[in-house]
Amino acid sequence: MLALHAETLVLSSGRTHLRSGNVPEWTEFADRTPDGRRLDLTFMAQSNATEYTLQIRQDDVRQDWVVQLNGKRLGKLFLMEADLVHTLPIPTGRLTNGENTLSITPPRDNDDIFLRDIRIDSRPLTNVLHEATLNVRVTDKATGREIPCRLTVVNEHGTLMPLIAPSNSVTLAVRPGVAYTANGRAELGLPAGACTVYATRGFEWSVATQHMNVAIGGTTRLSFELSRAVPTPGWVSCDTHVHTFTHSRHGDATIDERMVTLAGEGIELPIATDHNTNIDYADSVARTGTAEWFTPVTGDEITTMAGHFNIFPVEPEARVPDFQISVWPRLMIE
């Protein structure tokens, strides 16, 4: 049993290895004996009169692990095979006076994961993630122009830090430790402390790095310059298989966020291939201001019982092929 003190309740500080299946997910786990299939942490606390925040350091999560508090769902672990700090809001009144139990329950599919440093902060989620502010500007060294890019933020352990951005921003796509900007500018909230920020723009460009300490309540301003490291005259950077959560429920990127990430990674010819639908990126490109950075092409991933087939280019208003057909010769004609 653990007792609540000050503003933070530490539920677990050591490393816990969970395995949802009966065999190791990868050969690197073959010699490891997991601590169990699920994690249940019992602790003492008081009922929360305001929103609190759960923080979990997680690694190598590929499947949906559900997080519950006192038998009620709070959310899931974040789907990413990286060392990161994941945050979830604890709604008002979800903690009870006396004994409480936090549970992390396994998926049906095989997955090996690691958990450490699980704690409850008595502040609302936005307060925890906005202890300090990071203001970033990234430019092309050759021209001085602001350019789309990816920002990666890690703490002193190399762990991806939780970040927050203005909710009304259509030029940012933010996840734990990662922020894409469509215009080379980003204002991000993050926990105070030591961190390292990397600016990148796909493998054709250089990497810029800065280390700093961000103070509580302070704003740190950073400027990065990126330069082209791999000359590619006469070549075009393509991604011929692009999905969005908006239209295919793949991943978690909305169509606007996908435009931002395409620009930030330097993709010059993306093909829209959401399932059984012709998606035109024009409206989203206009909203995010990314028109000058890539030429989108409308395509379709025809998803049938006989297989999946990417087709492009197609007109946005063209008839979608009949995906109920399961005979190959008819599919080819269709």
C-alpha atoms as a PDB file:
ATOM      1  CA  MET A   1       0.000   0.000   0.000  1.00  0.00           C
ATOM      2  CA  LEU A   2       1.127   3.545  -0.805  1.00  0.00           C
ATOM      3  CA  ALA A   3      -0.124   6.799   0.686  1.00  0.00           C
ATOM      4  CA  LEU A   4      -0.773  10.101  -1.078  1.00  0.00           C
ATOM      5  CA  HIS A   5       1.697  12.861  -0.227  1.00  0.00           C
ATOM      6  CA  ALA A   6       2.127  16.428  -1.517  1.00  0.00           C
ATOM      7  CA  GLU A   7       1.109  16.648  -5.180  1.00  0.00           C
ATOM      8  CA  THR A   8       2.379  13.310  -6.452  1.00  0.00           C
ATOM      9  CA  LEU A   9       1.519   9.721  -5.662  1.00  0.00           C
ATOM     10  CA  VAL A  10       4.158   7.288  -6.933  1.00  0.00           C
ATOM     11  CA  LEU A  11       2.497   3.947  -7.720  1.00  0.00           C
ATOM     12  CA  SER A  12       5.527   2.198  -9.211  1.00  0.00           C
ATOM     13  CA  SER A  13       9.131   3.235  -9.815  1.00  0.00           C
ATOM     14  CA  GLY A  14      10.749  -0.032 -10.907  1.00  0.00           C
ATOM     15  CA  ARG A  15      10.527  -1.690 -14.319  1.00  0.00           C
ATOM     16  CA  THR A  16       7.685  -4.122 -15.003  1.00  0.00           C
ATOM     17  CA  HIS A  17       7.725  -6.480 -17.985  1.00  0.00           C
ATOM     18  CA  LEU A  18       4.291  -7.666 -19.175  1.00  0.00           C
ATOM     19  CA  ARG A  19       3.580 -10.274 -21.867  1.00  0.00           C
ATOM     20  CA  SER A  20       0.064 -10.679 -23.208  1.00  0.00           C
ATOM     21  CA  GLY A  21       0.699 -13.927 -25.093  1.00  0.00           C
ATOM     22  CA  ASN A  22       2.236 -17.305 -24.365  1.00  0.00           C
ATOM     23  CA  VAL A  23       5.410 -16.817 -26.419  1.00  0.00           C
ATOM     24  CA  PRO A  24       7.931 -13.966 -26.647  1.00  0.00           C
ATOM     25  CA  GLU A  25       6.957 -11.307 -29.151  1.00  0.00           C
ATOM     26  CA  TRP A  26      10.532 -11.018 -30.466  1.00  0.00           C
ATOM     27  CA  THR A  27      13.638 -13.208 -30.095  1.00  0.00           C
ATOM     28  CA  GLU A  28      15.208 -10.522 -27.890  1.00  0.00           C
ATOM     29  CA  PHE A  29      12.580 -11.397 -25.269  1.00  0.00           C
ATOM     30  CA  ALA A  30      13.228 -15.157 -25.434  1.00  0.00           C
ATOM     31  CA  ASP A  31      15.461 -15.203 -22.349  1.00  0.00           C
ATOM     32  CA  ARG A  32      13.273 -12.825 -20.338  1.00  0.00           C
ATOM     33  CA  THR A  33      10.667 -14.029 -17.866  1.00  0.00           C
ATOM     34  CA  PRO A  34       7.807 -11.491 -17.728  1.00  0.00           C
ATOM     35  CA  ASP A  35       6.409 -10.235 -14.445  1.00  0.00           C
ATOM     36  CA  GLY A  36       2.908 -11.170 -15.564  1.00  0.00           C
ATOM     37  CA  ARG A  37       0.160 -10.661 -18.135  1.00  0.00           C
ATOM     38  CA  ARG A  38      -1.389  -7.638 -16.442  1.00  0.00           C
ATOM     39  CA  LEU A  39      -0.523  -5.076 -13.797  1.00  0.00           C
ATOM     40  CA  ASP A  40      -2.666  -4.286 -10.752  1.00  0.00           C
ATOM     41  CA  LEU A  41      -1.457  -1.606  -8.337  1.00  0.00           C
ATOM     42  CA  THR A  42      -3.359  -1.072  -5.095  1.00  0.00           C
ATOM     43  CA  PHE A  43      -2.901   2.218  -3.235  1.00  0.00           C
ATOM     44  CA  MET A  44      -4.527   4.491  -0.685  1.00  0.00           C
ATOM     45  CA  ALA A  45      -5.850   7.918  -1.702  1.00  0.00           C
ATOM     46  CA  GLN A  46      -8.556  10.504  -1.202  1.00  0.00           C
ATOM     47  CA  SER A  47     -11.372  11.178  -3.656  1.00  0.00           C
ATOM     48  CA  ASN A  48     -10.278  13.791  -6.191  1.00  0.00           C
ATOM     49  CA  ALA A  49     -12.447  16.937  -6.257  1.00  0.00           C
ATOM     50  CA  THR A  50     -10.738  18.079  -9.466  1.00  0.00           C
ATOM     51  CA  GLU A  51      -9.180  16.393 -12.479  1.00  0.00           C
ATOM     52  CA  TYR A  52      -5.900  14.597 -11.717  1.00  0.00           C
ATOM     53  CA  THR A  53      -3.330  13.246 -14.169  1.00  0.00           C
ATOM     54  CA  LEU A  54      -1.941   9.727 -14.527  1.00  0.00           C
ATOM     55  CA  GLN A  55       1.607   9.507 -15.904  1.00  0.00           C
ATOM     56  CA  ILE A  56       3.034   6.224 -17.208  1.00  0.00           C
ATOM     57  CA  ARG A  57       6.473   5.660 -18.686  1.00  0.00           C
ATOM     58  CA  GLN A  58       6.002   2.909 -21.267  1.00  0.00           C
ATOM     59  CA  ASP A  59       8.073   1.175 -23.937  1.00  0.00           C
ATOM     60  CA  ASP A  60       7.528  -1.198 -26.879  1.00  0.00           C
ATOM     61  CA  VAL A  61       3.711  -0.990 -26.959  1.00  0.00           C
ATOM     62  CA  ARG A  62       2.250  -2.420 -30.191  1.00  0.00           C
ATOM     63  CA  GLN A  63      -1.224  -3.534 -29.115  1.00  0.00           C
ATOM     64  CA  ASP A  64      -4.141  -2.037 -27.184  1.00  0.00           C
ATOM     65  CA  TRP A  65      -3.446  -2.281 -23.439  1.00  0.00           C
ATOM     66  CA  VAL A  66      -6.395  -0.867 -21.485  1.00  0.00           C
ATOM     67  CA  VAL A  67      -5.845   1.329 -18.416  1.00  0.00           C
ATOM     68  CA  GLN A  68      -8.514   1.089 -15.700  1.00  0.00           C
ATOM     69  CA  LEU A  69      -8.980   2.817 -12.359  1.00  0.00           C
ATOM     70  CA  ASN A  70     -11.213   1.032  -9.874  1.00  0.00           C
ATOM     71  CA  GLY A  71     -12.624  -1.117 -12.651  1.00  0.00           C
ATOM     72  CA  LYS A  72     -13.518   1.804 -14.929  1.00  0.00           C
ATOM     73  CA  ARG A  73     -11.671   2.552 -18.133  1.00  0.00           C
ATOM     74  CA  LEU A  74      -9.388   5.606 -18.219  1.00  0.00           C
ATOM     75  CA  GLY A  75      -7.973   4.978 -21.690  1.00  0.00           C
ATOM     76  CA  LYS A  76      -5.199   2.957 -23.326  1.00  0.00           C
ATOM     77  CA  LEU A  77      -1.439   2.935 -23.419  1.00  0.00           C
ATOM     78  CA  PHE A  78      -0.074   4.911 -26.345  1.00  0.00           C
ATOM     79  CA  LEU A  79       0.589   2.806 -29.453  1.00  0.00           C
ATOM     80  CA  MET A  80       4.287   3.376 -30.100  1.00  0.00           C
ATOM     81  CA  GLU A  81       7.339   1.118 -29.876  1.00  0.00           C
ATOM     82  CA  ALA A  82       9.395   3.783 -28.116  1.00  0.00           C
ATOM     83  CA  ASP A  83      10.289   4.836 -24.602  1.00  0.00           C
ATOM     84  CA  LEU A  84       7.808   7.611 -23.769  1.00  0.00           C
ATOM     85  CA  VAL A  85       5.794   9.226 -20.997  1.00  0.00           C
ATOM     86  CA  HIS A  86       2.062   8.784 -21.579  1.00  0.00           C
ATOM     87  CA  THR A  87      -0.513  10.908 -19.753  1.00  0.00           C
ATOM     88  CA  LEU A  88      -4.206  10.301 -19.111  1.00  0.00           C
ATOM     89  CA  PRO A  89      -6.720  12.526 -17.288  1.00  0.00           C
ATOM     90  CA  ILE A  90      -8.352  11.116 -14.159  1.00  0.00           C
ATOM     91  CA  PRO A  91     -11.895  12.541 -14.085  1.00  0.00           C
ATOM     92  CA  THR A  92     -13.239  14.221 -10.952  1.00  0.00           C
ATOM     93  CA  GLY A  93     -14.373  11.680  -8.366  1.00  0.00           C
ATOM     94  CA  ARG A  94     -12.775   8.657 -10.060  1.00  0.00           C
ATOM     95  CA  LEU A  95     -10.470   8.151  -7.056  1.00  0.00           C
ATOM     96  CA  THR A  96     -12.199   6.968  -3.880  1.00  0.00           C
ATOM     97  CA  ASN A  97     -11.441   7.516  -0.218  1.00  0.00           C
ATOM     98  CA  GLY A  98      -9.344   4.600   0.942  1.00  0.00           C
ATOM     99  CA  GLU A  99      -8.185   1.739  -1.243  1.00  0.00           C
ATOM    100  CA  ASN A 100      -7.935   2.176  -5.030  1.00  0.00           C
ATOM    101  CA  THR A 101      -6.664  -0.074  -7.814  1.00  0.00           C
ATOM    102  CA  LEU A 102      -4.987   0.900 -11.078  1.00  0.00           C
ATOM    103  CA  SER A 103      -5.012  -1.898 -13.649  1.00  0.00           C
ATOM    104  CA  ILE A 104      -3.338  -2.285 -17.035  1.00  0.00           C
ATOM    105  CA  THR A 105      -4.991  -5.178 -18.843  1.00  0.00           C
ATOM    106  CA  PRO A 106      -3.624  -7.136 -21.817  1.00  0.00           C
ATOM    107  CA  PRO A 107      -4.835  -7.338 -25.416  1.00  0.00           C
ATOM    108  CA  ARG A 108      -5.686 -10.609 -27.117  1.00  0.00           C
ATOM    109  CA  ASP A 109      -2.702 -10.344 -29.451  1.00  0.00           C
ATOM    110  CA  ASN A 110       0.846 -11.174 -28.423  1.00  0.00           C
ATOM    111  CA  ASP A 111       2.815  -8.202 -27.064  1.00  0.00           C
ATOM    112  CA  ASP A 112       5.791  -7.665 -24.739  1.00  0.00           C
ATOM    113  CA  ILE A 113       5.859  -4.265 -23.044  1.00  0.00           C
ATOM    114  CA  PHE A 114       7.774  -2.457 -20.314  1.00  0.00           C
ATOM    115  CA  LEU A 115       6.320  -0.074 -17.722  1.00  0.00           C
ATOM    116  CA  ARG A 116       8.049   2.098 -15.151  1.00  0.00           C
ATOM    117  CA  ASP A 117       7.569   5.266 -13.120  1.00  0.00           C
ATOM    118  CA  ILE A 118       3.775   5.225 -12.797  1.00  0.00           C
ATOM    119  CA  ARG A 119       2.427   8.157 -10.801  1.00  0.00           C
ATOM    120  CA  ILE A 120      -0.630  10.308 -10.153  1.00  0.00           C
ATOM    121  CA  ASP A 121      -0.276  14.091 -10.208  1.00  0.00           C
ATOM    122  CA  SER A 122      -2.951  16.080  -8.372  1.00  0.00           C
ATOM    123  CA  ARG A 123      -3.107  18.729 -11.129  1.00  0.00           C
ATOM    124  CA  PRO A 124      -5.282  18.713 -14.281  1.00  0.00           C
ATOM    125  CA  LEU A 125      -3.679  17.327 -17.429  1.00  0.00           C
ATOM    126  CA  THR A 126      -3.250  20.721 -19.111  1.00  0.00           C
ATOM    127  CA  ASN A 127      -1.399  22.058 -16.064  1.00  0.00           C
ATOM    128  CA  VAL A 128       0.961  19.087 -15.945  1.00  0.00           C
ATOM    129  CA  LEU A 129       1.767  19.415 -19.647  1.00  0.00           C
ATOM    130  CA  HIS A 130       2.090  23.177 -19.604  1.00  0.00           C
ATOM    131  CA  GLU A 131       4.584  23.747 -16.805  1.00  0.00           C
ATOM    132  CA  ALA A 132       6.783  25.482 -19.365  1.00  0.00           C
ATOM    133  CA  THR A 133       6.566  26.717 -22.947  1.00  0.00           C
ATOM    134  CA  LEU A 134       8.815  25.920 -25.882  1.00  0.00           C
ATOM    135  CA  ASN A 135       8.757  28.324 -28.823  1.00  0.00           C
ATOM    136  CA  VAL A 136      10.560  26.958 -31.898  1.00  0.00           C
ATOM    137  CA  ARG A 137      11.431  28.359 -35.321  1.00  0.00           C
ATOM    138  CA  VAL A 138      13.046  26.220 -38.037  1.00  0.00           C
ATOM    139  CA  THR A 139      14.496  27.575 -41.282  1.00  0.00           C
ATOM    140  CA  ASP A 140      16.268  26.400 -44.407  1.00  0.00           C
ATOM    141  CA  LYS A 141      19.911  27.419 -43.926  1.00  0.00           C
ATOM    142  CA  ALA A 142      20.358  28.138 -47.635  1.00  0.00           C
ATOM    143  CA  THR A 143      17.356  30.434 -48.049  1.00  0.00           C
ATOM    144  CA  GLY A 144      16.402  31.559 -44.540  1.00  0.00           C
ATOM    145  CA  ARG A 145      12.797  30.460 -45.188  1.00  0.00           C
ATOM    146  CA  GLU A 146      10.755  28.754 -42.514  1.00  0.00           C
ATOM    147  CA  ILE A 147      10.168  25.124 -43.513  1.00  0.00           C
ATOM    148  CA  PRO A 148       7.908  22.274 -42.397  1.00  0.00           C
ATOM    149  CA  CYS A 149       9.697  19.786 -40.158  1.00  0.00           C
ATOM    150  CA  ARG A 150       9.521  17.317 -37.300  1.00  0.00           C
ATOM    151  CA  LEU A 151      10.508  18.216 -33.746  1.00  0.00           C
ATOM    152  CA  THR A 152      11.453  15.448 -31.297  1.00  0.00           C
ATOM    153  CA  VAL A 153      11.683  16.254 -27.579  1.00  0.00           C
ATOM    154  CA  VAL A 154      13.252  13.872 -25.028  1.00  0.00           C
ATOM    155  CA  ASN A 155      14.091  14.243 -21.345  1.00  0.00           C
ATOM    156  CA  GLU A 156      17.411  13.522 -19.623  1.00  0.00           C
ATOM    157  CA  HIS A 157      16.733   9.750 -19.882  1.00  0.00           C
ATOM    158  CA  GLY A 158      16.153   9.918 -23.637  1.00  0.00           C
ATOM    159  CA  THR A 159      12.440   9.331 -23.056  1.00  0.00           C
ATOM    160  CA  LEU A 160       9.905  11.056 -25.308  1.00  0.00           C
ATOM    161  CA  MET A 161       8.252  13.799 -23.249  1.00  0.00           C
ATOM    162  CA  PRO A 162       4.519  14.566 -23.159  1.00  0.00           C
ATOM    163  CA  LEU A 163       3.682  17.692 -25.172  1.00  0.00           C
ATOM    164  CA  ILE A 164       0.637  19.890 -25.669  1.00  0.00           C
ATOM    165  CA  ALA A 165      -0.237  22.416 -28.371  1.00  0.00           C
ATOM    166  CA  PRO A 166      -3.030  24.974 -28.830  1.00  0.00           C
ATOM    167  CA  SER A 167      -6.235  23.054 -29.510  1.00  0.00           C
ATOM    168  CA  ASN A 168      -7.195  25.270 -32.449  1.00  0.00           C
ATOM    169  CA  SER A 169      -3.931  24.858 -34.358  1.00  0.00           C
ATOM    170  CA  VAL A 170      -4.206  23.293 -37.829  1.00  0.00           C
ATOM    171  CA  THR A 171      -0.475  23.656 -38.559  1.00  0.00           C
ATOM    172  CA  LEU A 172       0.700  21.293 -35.810  1.00  0.00           C
ATOM    173  CA  ALA A 173       0.408  17.535 -35.283  1.00  0.00           C
ATOM    174  CA  VAL A 174       1.491  16.611 -31.749  1.00  0.00           C
ATOM    175  CA  ARG A 175       2.034  13.275 -30.021  1.00  0.00           C
ATOM    176  CA  PRO A 176       4.214  12.209 -27.046  1.00  0.00           C
ATOM    177  CA  GLY A 177       7.662  13.647 -27.720  1.00  0.00           C
ATOM    178  CA  VAL A 178       6.905  14.497 -31.357  1.00  0.00           C
ATOM    179  CA  ALA A 179       5.519  17.615 -33.017  1.00  0.00           C
ATOM    180  CA  TYR A 180       5.199  18.244 -36.751  1.00  0.00           C
ATOM    181  CA  THR A 181       4.878  21.817 -37.939  1.00  0.00           C
ATOM    182  CA  ALA A 182       3.553  22.805 -41.364  1.00  0.00           C
ATOM    183  CA  ASN A 183       5.209  26.213 -41.374  1.00  0.00           C
ATOM    184  CA  GLY A 184       8.425  25.868 -39.369  1.00  0.00           C
ATOM    185  CA  ARG A 185       6.928  27.409 -36.219  1.00  0.00           C
ATOM    186  CA  ALA A 186       5.680  25.691 -33.073  1.00  0.00           C
ATOM    187  CA  GLU A 187       4.610  26.696 -29.593  1.00  0.00           C
ATOM    188  CA  LEU A 188       4.458  23.697 -27.287  1.00  0.00           C
ATOM    189  CA  GLY A 189       3.679  23.140 -23.636  1.00  0.00           C
ATOM    190  CA  LEU A 190       5.812  20.589 -21.776  1.00  0.00           C
ATOM    191  CA  PRO A 191       6.917  19.608 -18.254  1.00  0.00           C
ATOM    192  CA  ALA A 192       9.770  21.678 -16.828  1.00  0.00           C
ATOM    193  CA  GLY A 193      13.291  20.257 -16.601  1.00  0.00           C
ATOM    194  CA  ALA A 194      16.192  19.174 -18.766  1.00  0.00           C
ATOM    195  CA  CYS A 195      15.396  18.193 -22.337  1.00  0.00           C
ATOM    196  CA  THR A 196      16.870  17.803 -25.799  1.00  0.00           C
ATOM    197  CA  VAL A 197      15.128  18.994 -28.963  1.00  0.00           C
ATOM    198  CA  TYR A 198      15.889  17.590 -32.420  1.00  0.00           C
ATOM    199  CA  ALA A 199      14.719  19.210 -35.661  1.00  0.00           C
ATOM    200  CA  THR A 200      14.562  17.002 -38.773  1.00  0.00           C
ATOM    201  CA  ARG A 201      12.916  16.920 -42.190  1.00  0.00           C
ATOM    202  CA  GLY A 202      13.218  13.428 -43.614  1.00  0.00           C
ATOM    203  CA  PHE A 203      16.463  11.673 -44.535  1.00  0.00           C
ATOM    204  CA  GLU A 204      17.395  14.203 -47.246  1.00  0.00           C
ATOM    205  CA  TRP A 205      17.981  16.935 -44.666  1.00  0.00           C
ATOM    206  CA  SER A 206      20.378  17.501 -41.781  1.00  0.00           C
ATOM    207  CA  VAL A 207      19.585  17.086 -38.074  1.00  0.00           C
ATOM    208  CA  ALA A 208      19.808  20.041 -35.682  1.00  0.00           C
ATOM    209  CA  THR A 209      20.040  19.499 -31.921  1.00  0.00           C
ATOM    210  CA  GLN A 210      19.820  21.715 -28.836  1.00  0.00           C
ATOM    211  CA  HIS A 211      19.981  20.852 -25.123  1.00  0.00           C
ATOM    212  CA  MET A 212      18.370  23.023 -22.456  1.00  0.00           C
ATOM    213  CA  ASN A 213      16.602  23.337 -19.124  1.00  0.00           C
ATOM    214  CA  VAL A 214      13.081  24.713 -19.277  1.00  0.00           C
ATOM    215  CA  ALA A 215      11.951  26.494 -16.127  1.00  0.00           C
ATOM    216  CA  ILE A 216       8.517  26.288 -14.537  1.00  0.00           C
ATOM    217  CA  GLY A 217       6.409  29.111 -15.923  1.00  0.00           C
ATOM    218  CA  GLY A 218       9.132  30.130 -18.364  1.00  0.00           C
ATOM    219  CA  THR A 219       9.287  30.313 -22.164  1.00  0.00           C
ATOM    220  CA  THR A 220      12.327  28.980 -24.008  1.00  0.00           C
ATOM    221  CA  ARG A 221      12.860  30.189 -27.582  1.00  0.00           C
ATOM    222  CA  LEU A 222      14.859  28.052 -29.990  1.00  0.00           C
ATOM    223  CA  SER A 223      15.961  28.608 -33.579  1.00  0.00           C
ATOM    224  CA  PHE A 224      17.164  25.785 -35.816  1.00  0.00           C
ATOM    225  CA  GLU A 225      18.687  25.757 -39.291  1.00  0.00           C
ATOM    226  CA  LEU A 226      18.397  22.694 -41.509  1.00  0.00           C
ATOM    227  CA  SER A 227      20.320  22.103 -44.721  1.00  0.00           C
ATOM    228  CA  ARG A 228      19.849  19.610 -47.507  1.00  0.00           C
ATOM    229  CA  ALA A 229      22.270  16.741 -46.899  1.00  0.00           C
ATOM    230  CA  VAL A 230      21.315  14.430 -49.801  1.00  0.00           C
ATOM    231  CA  PRO A 231      21.030  16.073 -53.241  1.00  0.00           C
ATOM    232  CA  THR A 232      18.124  14.561 -55.202  1.00  0.00           C
ATOM    233  CA  PRO A 233      17.809  16.555 -58.453  1.00  0.00           C
ATOM    234  CA  GLY A 234      15.406  14.894 -60.875  1.00  0.00           C
ATOM    235  CA  TRP A 235      13.922  12.697 -58.173  1.00  0.00           C
ATOM    236  CA  VAL A 236      10.638  12.985 -56.264  1.00  0.00           C
ATOM    237  CA  SER A 237       9.995  11.750 -52.741  1.00  0.00           C
ATOM    238  CA  CYS A 238       6.832   9.597 -52.839  1.00  0.00           C
ATOM    239  CA  ASP A 239       4.554   7.824 -50.411  1.00  0.00           C
ATOM    240  CA  THR A 240       2.161   5.698 -52.461  1.00  0.00           C
ATOM    241  CA  HIS A 241       0.197   4.310 -49.495  1.00  0.00           C
ATOM    242  CA  VAL A 242      -1.233   7.073 -47.286  1.00  0.00           C
ATOM    243  CA  HIS A 243      -4.061   6.508 -44.788  1.00  0.00           C
ATOM    244  CA  THR A 244      -5.883   8.773 -42.360  1.00  0.00           C
ATOM    245  CA  PHE A 245      -7.876   8.053 -39.231  1.00  0.00           C
ATOM    246  CA  THR A 246     -10.545  10.370 -40.621  1.00  0.00           C
ATOM    247  CA  HIS A 247     -11.414   8.093 -43.544  1.00  0.00           C
ATOM    248  CA  SER A 248      -9.919   4.663 -42.772  1.00  0.00           C
ATOM    249  CA  ARG A 249      -9.571   4.554 -38.961  1.00  0.00           C
ATOM    250  CA  HIS A 250      -5.904   3.693 -39.549  1.00  0.00           C
ATOM    251  CA  GLY A 251      -3.447   5.084 -37.024  1.00  0.00           C
ATOM    252  CA  ASP A 252      -4.554   8.212 -35.193  1.00  0.00           C
ATOM    253  CA  ALA A 253      -3.769  11.060 -37.611  1.00  0.00           C
ATOM    254  CA  THR A 254      -6.692  13.119 -38.867  1.00  0.00           C
ATOM    255  CA  ILE A 255      -6.603  14.189 -42.498  1.00  0.00           C
ATOM    256  CA  ASP A 256      -5.330  17.659 -41.501  1.00  0.00           C
ATOM    257  CA  GLU A 257      -2.620  16.153 -39.289  1.00  0.00           C
ATOM    258  CA  ARG A 258      -1.592  13.898 -42.165  1.00  0.00           C
ATOM    259  CA  MET A 259      -1.040  16.921 -44.405  1.00  0.00           C
ATOM    260  CA  VAL A 260       1.205  18.421 -41.724  1.00  0.00           C
ATOM    261  CA  THR A 261       3.247  15.211 -41.342  1.00  0.00           C
ATOM    262  CA  LEU A 262       3.641  14.799 -45.099  1.00  0.00           C
ATOM    263  CA  ALA A 263       5.021  18.329 -45.376  1.00  0.00           C
ATOM    264  CA  GLY A 264       7.197  17.848 -42.303  1.00  0.00           C
ATOM    265  CA  GLU A 265       8.818  14.682 -43.665  1.00  0.00           C
ATOM    266  CA  GLY A 266       9.498  16.206 -47.068  1.00  0.00           C
ATOM    267  CA  ILE A 267       7.116  13.919 -48.992  1.00  0.00           C
ATOM    268  CA  GLU A 268       6.592  15.545 -52.398  1.00  0.00           C
ATOM    269  CA  LEU A 269       4.113  13.143 -54.042  1.00  0.00           C
ATOM    270  CA  PRO A 270       1.693  11.506 -51.573  1.00  0.00           C
ATOM    271  CA  ILE A 271      -0.995   9.138 -52.869  1.00  0.00           C
ATOM    272  CA  ALA A 272      -4.287   9.106 -50.944  1.00  0.00           C
ATOM    273  CA  THR A 273      -5.221   5.439 -50.442  1.00  0.00           C
ATOM    274  CA  ASP A 274      -7.971   5.337 -47.848  1.00  0.00           C
ATOM    275  CA  HIS A 275     -10.102   2.192 -48.092  1.00  0.00           C
ATOM    276  CA  ASN A 276     -12.790   1.988 -50.765  1.00  0.00           C
ATOM    277  CA  THR A 277     -13.105   5.732 -51.168  1.00  0.00           C
ATOM    278  CA  ASN A 278     -11.643   8.447 -53.375  1.00  0.00           C
ATOM    279  CA  ILE A 279     -10.233  11.190 -51.141  1.00  0.00           C
ATOM    280  CA  ASP A 280      -9.224  14.584 -52.488  1.00  0.00           C
ATOM    281  CA  TYR A 281      -6.735  16.354 -50.196  1.00  0.00           C
ATOM    282  CA  ALA A 282      -7.434  19.820 -51.682  1.00  0.00           C
ATOM    283  CA  ASP A 283      -9.557  21.200 -48.827  1.00  0.00           C
ATOM    284  CA  SER A 284      -7.219  19.882 -46.139  1.00  0.00           C
ATOM    285  CA  VAL A 285      -4.160  21.205 -47.970  1.00  0.00           C
ATOM    286  CA  ALA A 286      -5.799  24.650 -48.076  1.00  0.00           C
ATOM    287  CA  ARG A 287      -6.661  24.564 -44.348  1.00  0.00           C
ATOM    288  CA  THR A 288      -3.135  23.591 -43.315  1.00  0.00           C
ATOM    289  CA  GLY A 289      -1.322  25.861 -45.771  1.00  0.00           C
ATOM    290  CA  THR A 290       0.774  23.033 -47.203  1.00  0.00           C
ATOM    291  CA  ALA A 291       0.044  23.477 -50.926  1.00  0.00           C
ATOM    292  CA  GLU A 292       3.567  24.513 -51.914  1.00  0.00           C
ATOM    293  CA  TRP A 293       5.260  21.534 -50.293  1.00  0.00           C
ATOM    294  CA  PHE A 294       3.726  18.559 -52.117  1.00  0.00           C
ATOM    295  CA  THR A 295       1.466  17.510 -54.981  1.00  0.00           C
ATOM    296  CA  PRO A 296      -1.277  15.191 -53.697  1.00  0.00           C
ATOM    297  CA  VAL A 297      -2.744  12.472 -55.909  1.00  0.00           C
ATOM    298  CA  THR A 298      -6.144  10.891 -55.363  1.00  0.00           C
ATOM    299  CA  GLY A 299      -6.044   7.109 -55.188  1.00  0.00           C
ATOM    300  CA  ASP A 300      -7.914   4.278 -53.496  1.00  0.00           C
ATOM    301  CA  GLU A 301      -7.068   1.091 -51.657  1.00  0.00           C
ATOM    302  CA  ILE A 302      -9.681  -1.300 -52.989  1.00  0.00           C
ATOM    303  CA  THR A 303     -10.183  -3.643 -50.050  1.00  0.00           C
ATOM    304  CA  THR A 304     -11.775  -6.967 -50.971  1.00  0.00           C
ATOM    305  CA  MET A 305     -11.978 -10.518 -49.643  1.00  0.00           C
ATOM    306  CA  ALA A 306      -9.533 -11.481 -52.414  1.00  0.00           C
ATOM    307  CA  GLY A 307      -6.902  -8.938 -51.467  1.00  0.00           C
ATOM    308  CA  HIS A 308      -6.087  -5.234 -51.291  1.00  0.00           C
ATOM    309  CA  PHE A 309      -5.245  -3.243 -54.416  1.00  0.00           C
ATOM    310  CA  ASN A 310      -3.911   0.310 -54.534  1.00  0.00           C
ATOM    311  CA  ILE A 311      -5.006   2.206 -57.628  1.00  0.00           C
ATOM    312  CA  PHE A 312      -3.997   5.707 -58.736  1.00  0.00           C
ATOM    313  CA  PRO A 313      -4.451   8.228 -60.132  1.00  0.00           C
ATOM    314  CA  VAL A 314      -8.245   8.481 -60.091  1.00  0.00           C
ATOM    315  CA  GLU A 315     -10.591  11.422 -60.332  1.00  0.00           C
ATOM    316  CA  PRO A 316     -12.031  12.342 -56.905  1.00  0.00           C
ATOM    317  CA  GLU A 317     -15.583  12.125 -58.252  1.00  0.00           C
ATOM    318  CA  ALA A 318     -15.008   8.821 -60.100  1.00  0.00           C
ATOM    319  CA  ARG A 319     -17.061   5.744 -59.236  1.00  0.00           C
ATOM    320  CA  VAL A 320     -15.467   3.589 -56.549  1.00  0.00           C
ATOM    321  CA  PRO A 321     -14.902  -0.003 -57.778  1.00  0.00           C
ATOM    322  CA  ASP A 322     -17.169  -2.672 -56.335  1.00  0.00           C
ATOM    323  CA  PHE A 323     -15.148  -4.001 -53.385  1.00  0.00           C
ATOM    324  CA  GLN A 324     -17.682  -6.811 -52.795  1.00  0.00           C
ATOM    325  CA  ILE A 325     -16.292  -8.668 -55.808  1.00  0.00           C
ATOM    326  CA  SER A 326     -14.008 -11.532 -54.758  1.00  0.00           C
ATOM    327  CA  VAL A 327     -13.139 -13.082 -58.146  1.00  0.00           C
ATOM    328  CA  TRP A 328      -9.822 -11.834 -59.517  1.00  0.00           C
ATOM    329  CA  PRO A 329     -10.711 -11.599 -63.230  1.00  0.00           C
ATOM    330  CA  ARG A 330     -13.787  -9.508 -62.434  1.00  0.00           C
ATOM    331  CA  LEU A 331     -11.752  -7.341 -60.042  1.00  0.00           C
ATOM    332  CA  MET A 332      -9.239  -6.562 -62.768  1.00  0.00           C
ATOM    333  CA  ILE A 333     -12.004  -5.524 -65.145  1.00  0.00           C
ATOM    334  CA  GLU A 334     -13.742  -3.493 -62.462  1.00  0.00           C
END
